[in-house]
Amino acid sequence: MKEQWNQEMKITDCRPEQDYKLWLRFEDGLEGSVFLGNLLEIGAFKLWSDVREFEKVSVDPGTATVTWEGGIRLDADLLYHEVASQKPIQHAEGGEPPAAVG
């Protein structure tokens, strides 16, 4: 059961949105946005004060989590729970993700 739980946490796609929001899609189809602007004053995240740096987000295929230049990575489990706790929960239905910023 734990193995299946971990699979649900894998991020398959991401897109930066305005105001330091990040749209995510997980392997189980769950998708939604999380606000990350509250991290801007913490250590390595200060790099994001230039929004172009925030927009350089990608999914690391080896770890299935989001990553940025400079070694910033965010825990897929925490992001999953953040998206899942939002109402309503949105699952992929073959639609396109929101347009990327920039």
Protein backbone atom coordinates (compact mmCIF):
# COMPACT_ATOMS: atom_id res chain seq x y z
CA MET A 1 0.00 0.00 0.00
CA LYS A 2 2.85 2.39 0.79
CA GLU A 3 4.30 1.72 -2.66
CA GLN A 4 1.08 2.86 -4.35
CA TRP A 5 0.97 5.96 -2.10
CA ASN A 6 4.46 6.95 -3.22
CA GLN A 7 3.51 6.58 -6.87
CA GLU A 8 0.68 9.09 -6.40
CA MET A 9 3.22 11.64 -5.27
CA LYS A 10 5.18 11.68 -8.52
CA ILE A 11 4.95 14.97 -10.39
CA THR A 12 4.55 14.54 -14.14
CA ASP A 13 4.16 18.16 -15.27
CA CYS A 14 4.43 21.70 -13.94
CA ARG A 15 3.95 25.26 -15.16
CA PRO A 16 4.76 28.56 -13.45
CA GLU A 17 1.78 30.89 -13.07
CA GLN A 18 1.50 34.53 -12.05
CA ASP A 19 2.15 35.67 -8.48
CA TYR A 20 4.52 32.79 -7.64
CA LYS A 21 1.93 30.08 -8.13
CA LEU A 22 2.97 26.75 -9.53
CA TRP A 23 0.56 24.48 -11.41
CA LEU A 24 1.29 20.78 -10.89
CA ARG A 25 0.04 17.49 -12.29
CA PHE A 26 0.70 14.25 -10.43
CA GLU A 27 0.92 10.71 -11.77
CA ASP A 28 -2.51 9.81 -10.38
CA GLY A 29 -4.12 12.70 -12.32
CA LEU A 30 -4.47 15.15 -9.44
CA GLU A 31 -3.69 18.67 -10.59
CA GLY A 32 -3.84 22.13 -9.15
CA SER A 33 -1.82 25.18 -8.14
CA VAL A 34 0.17 26.03 -5.03
CA PHE A 35 1.36 29.45 -3.87
CA LEU A 36 5.10 29.58 -3.24
CA GLY A 37 5.60 33.32 -2.79
CA ASN A 38 5.84 32.85 0.97
CA LEU A 39 9.27 31.25 0.43
CA LEU A 40 10.84 34.35 -1.17
CA GLU A 41 12.59 35.54 2.00
CA ILE A 42 14.16 32.18 2.85
CA GLY A 43 17.77 31.41 1.86
CA ALA A 44 18.10 30.04 -1.66
CA PHE A 45 14.53 31.05 -2.53
CA LYS A 46 15.61 34.72 -2.56
CA LEU A 47 16.80 33.96 -6.10
CA TRP A 48 13.10 33.98 -7.04
CA SER A 49 12.85 37.73 -6.35
CA ASP A 50 13.62 37.80 -10.07
CA VAL A 51 10.46 36.10 -11.30
CA ARG A 52 12.33 34.85 -14.38
CA GLU A 53 14.27 32.54 -12.05
CA PHE A 54 11.03 31.17 -10.60
CA GLU A 55 9.78 30.53 -14.13
CA LYS A 56 12.75 28.20 -14.83
CA VAL A 57 11.01 25.38 -12.96
CA SER A 58 11.08 21.87 -14.39
CA VAL A 59 10.27 18.31 -13.38
CA ASP A 60 13.34 16.23 -12.56
CA PRO A 61 12.71 12.90 -14.33
CA GLY A 62 14.87 11.00 -11.84
CA THR A 63 13.09 12.16 -8.70
CA ALA A 64 9.68 13.16 -10.17
CA THR A 65 9.66 16.42 -8.25
CA VAL A 66 10.03 20.06 -9.21
CA THR A 67 13.45 21.64 -9.37
CA TRP A 68 15.10 24.93 -10.25
CA GLU A 69 18.63 25.97 -11.16
CA GLY A 70 20.81 26.32 -8.10
CA GLY A 71 19.64 23.04 -6.61
CA ILE A 72 16.23 24.11 -5.30
CA ARG A 73 13.88 21.12 -5.00
CA LEU A 74 10.50 20.85 -3.35
CA ASP A 75 9.13 17.71 -1.75
CA ALA A 76 6.50 16.10 -4.00
CA ASP A 77 4.66 14.65 -0.98
CA LEU A 78 4.13 18.09 0.57
CA LEU A 79 3.06 19.59 -2.75
CA TYR A 80 0.63 16.73 -3.32
CA HIS A 81 -1.00 17.24 0.07
CA GLU A 82 -1.23 20.99 -0.54
CA VAL A 83 -3.00 20.49 -3.87
CA ALA A 84 -5.21 17.69 -2.50
CA SER A 85 -6.34 19.85 0.44
CA GLN A 86 -7.72 22.55 -1.86
CA LYS A 87 -11.39 22.52 -2.78
CA PRO A 88 -12.52 21.41 -5.21
CA ILE A 89 -9.94 18.75 -5.98
CA GLN A 90 -9.28 18.71 -9.71
CA HIS A 91 -8.22 15.63 -11.60
CA ALA A 92 -6.99 15.62 -15.16
CA GLU A 93 -9.69 14.93 -17.69
CA GLY A 94 -7.61 15.20 -20.82
CA GLY A 95 -7.63 19.00 -20.71
CA GLU A 96 -4.66 21.24 -21.24
CA PRO A 97 -2.76 22.77 -18.32
CA PRO A 98 -2.99 26.52 -17.77
CA ALA A 99 -0.80 28.65 -19.98
CA ALA A 100 2.73 29.25 -18.73
CA VAL A 101 3.77 32.69 -17.58
CA GLY A 102 6.04 34.71 -19.83
